[in-house]
Protein backbone atom coordinates (compact mmCIF):
# COMPACT_ATOMS: atom_id res chain seq x y z
CA MET A 1 239.29 129.99 8.76
CA ALA A 2 239.10 132.50 5.98
CA VAL A 3 235.50 133.23 4.98
CA THR A 4 234.63 134.94 1.70
CA VAL A 5 231.13 135.90 0.60
CA THR A 6 231.05 135.62 -3.19
CA ARG A 7 227.44 136.31 -4.17
CA LEU A 8 223.89 136.99 -3.03
CA TYR A 9 220.97 135.33 -4.83
CA ASP A 10 217.85 137.46 -4.31
CA PRO A 11 215.56 135.79 -4.97
CA ALA A 12 217.05 132.31 -5.05
CA GLY A 13 215.34 129.71 -7.22
CA ALA A 14 212.99 127.24 -5.57
CA GLU A 15 212.05 123.69 -6.48
CA GLN A 16 208.63 123.28 -8.07
CA TYR A 17 207.01 121.44 -5.15
CA PHE A 18 209.09 122.53 -2.16
CA GLY A 19 209.33 126.31 -2.27
CA PRO A 20 209.04 129.04 0.33
CA ARG A 21 205.81 129.65 2.17
CA ARG A 22 203.21 132.05 0.74
CA GLY A 23 204.39 135.67 0.89
CA ARG A 24 208.01 134.64 1.35
CA LYS A 25 211.07 134.03 -0.82
CA TYR A 26 214.37 132.23 -0.61
CA VAL A 27 217.61 134.18 -0.69
CA ALA A 28 221.00 132.48 -0.69
CA VAL A 29 224.46 133.64 0.31
CA ASP A 30 227.26 131.94 -1.62
CA LEU A 31 230.50 131.64 0.33
CA VAL A 32 233.89 129.98 0.47
CA LEU A 33 235.36 128.57 3.68
CA LYS A 34 239.13 128.04 3.59
CA ASN A 35 240.87 126.30 6.47
CA THR A 36 243.97 128.38 7.15
CA GLY A 37 244.65 126.60 10.44
CA THR A 38 246.56 123.46 11.38
CA LYS A 39 243.61 121.33 12.53
CA ALA A 40 240.61 120.01 10.63
CA TYR A 41 237.53 122.22 10.70
CA ASN A 42 234.36 120.28 11.58
CA ASP A 43 231.16 122.28 12.01
CA SER A 44 227.67 123.06 10.75
CA PRO A 45 228.10 126.46 9.05
CA GLY A 46 224.39 127.30 9.06
CA ASN A 47 224.33 127.26 12.87
CA GLY A 48 226.49 130.39 12.98
CA ALA A 49 224.85 132.25 10.07
CA THR A 50 222.38 135.13 10.28
CA LEU A 51 220.89 137.28 7.53
CA LEU A 52 219.72 140.77 8.46
CA ASP A 53 217.31 142.70 6.27
CA SER A 54 217.25 146.47 5.76
CA ALA A 55 214.82 146.79 8.71
CA ASN A 56 217.36 144.92 10.90
CA HIS A 57 215.21 141.77 11.24
CA GLY A 58 217.34 138.64 11.62
CA TYR A 59 216.80 135.29 9.89
CA THR A 60 218.49 131.96 10.48
CA GLU A 61 219.43 129.46 7.81
CA ASN A 62 216.62 127.49 6.24
CA LEU A 63 217.73 123.97 5.35
CA SER A 64 215.70 124.03 2.12
CA GLU A 65 217.49 123.53 -1.16
CA THR A 66 217.64 126.27 -3.77
CA THR A 67 218.05 125.75 -7.49
CA SER A 68 220.34 128.80 -7.75
CA CYS A 69 223.42 127.28 -6.12
CA GLN A 70 224.81 124.20 -4.39
CA SER A 71 224.36 124.00 -0.62
CA ILE A 72 227.57 124.11 1.39
CA GLY A 73 226.14 121.26 3.48
CA SER A 74 224.78 120.92 6.97
CA SER A 75 227.92 119.24 8.29
CA VAL A 76 231.28 120.32 6.89
CA LYS A 77 234.75 118.85 7.40
CA ILE A 78 237.66 120.77 5.89
CA ALA A 79 241.29 119.66 6.17
CA PRO A 80 244.02 122.26 6.77
CA GLY A 81 244.75 124.10 3.53
CA SER A 82 241.53 122.92 1.88
CA LYS A 83 238.35 124.85 1.15
CA ARG A 84 234.64 124.33 0.61
CA ALA A 85 232.29 126.50 -1.43
CA GLY A 86 228.51 126.62 -1.43
CA CYS A 87 225.50 128.52 -0.20
CA LEU A 88 223.35 128.99 2.82
CA THR A 89 219.64 129.57 2.15
CA PHE A 90 217.30 131.83 4.11
CA GLU A 91 213.51 132.21 3.87
CA ILE A 92 212.43 135.83 4.27
CA PRO A 93 209.35 137.94 3.47
CA LYS A 94 209.06 138.83 -0.24
CA THR A 95 209.23 142.54 0.62
CA ALA A 96 212.40 142.21 2.74
CA LYS A 97 215.71 143.43 1.33
CA PRO A 98 218.82 141.51 2.45
CA ALA A 99 221.35 143.94 3.91
CA VAL A 100 223.93 142.13 6.08
CA PHE A 101 225.27 138.58 6.38
CA GLN A 102 226.80 137.62 9.74
CA PHE A 103 228.87 134.49 10.29
CA THR A 104 230.33 133.09 13.50
CA LEU A 105 232.46 129.94 13.59
CA ASP A 106 231.98 127.11 16.09
CA SER A 107 228.22 126.93 15.45
CA GLY A 108 227.85 130.55 16.51
CA PHE A 109 229.92 130.29 19.71
CA ALA A 110 233.27 131.75 18.58
CA ASP A 111 234.42 135.09 20.01
CA VAL A 112 234.44 136.89 16.65
CA THR A 113 231.60 137.43 14.17
CA GLY A 114 232.30 138.38 10.56
CA GLU A 115 229.91 140.78 8.89
CA TRP A 116 229.40 141.49 5.17
CA GLN A 117 227.25 144.21 3.61
CA LEU A 118 225.04 142.76 0.87
CA HIS A 119 224.38 145.04 -2.11
């Protein structure tokens, strides 16, 4: 798999009735997953995703929808040579500043973790 982070939404838009809890905000990481292998990729990308803030606090994906971008989906199947784009949403304190996005394939159980600095 080739993973590309294309954009950070900070803050990410929230629906009128189903937004983040008081004192918190949504942020979203937009990414592209491209299957460069020979077998179909079948996983839940959010399971292997972590957002770190500038104080090194970690946050896991929040399954809430954002109005800023299209969700990549909770269950993704990608044929060899194909790709899927979308975002993963995180709920963090309003004062937190996203700093690093970490992503590990196989629902977080692969041997290698990719890491992207968010600016």
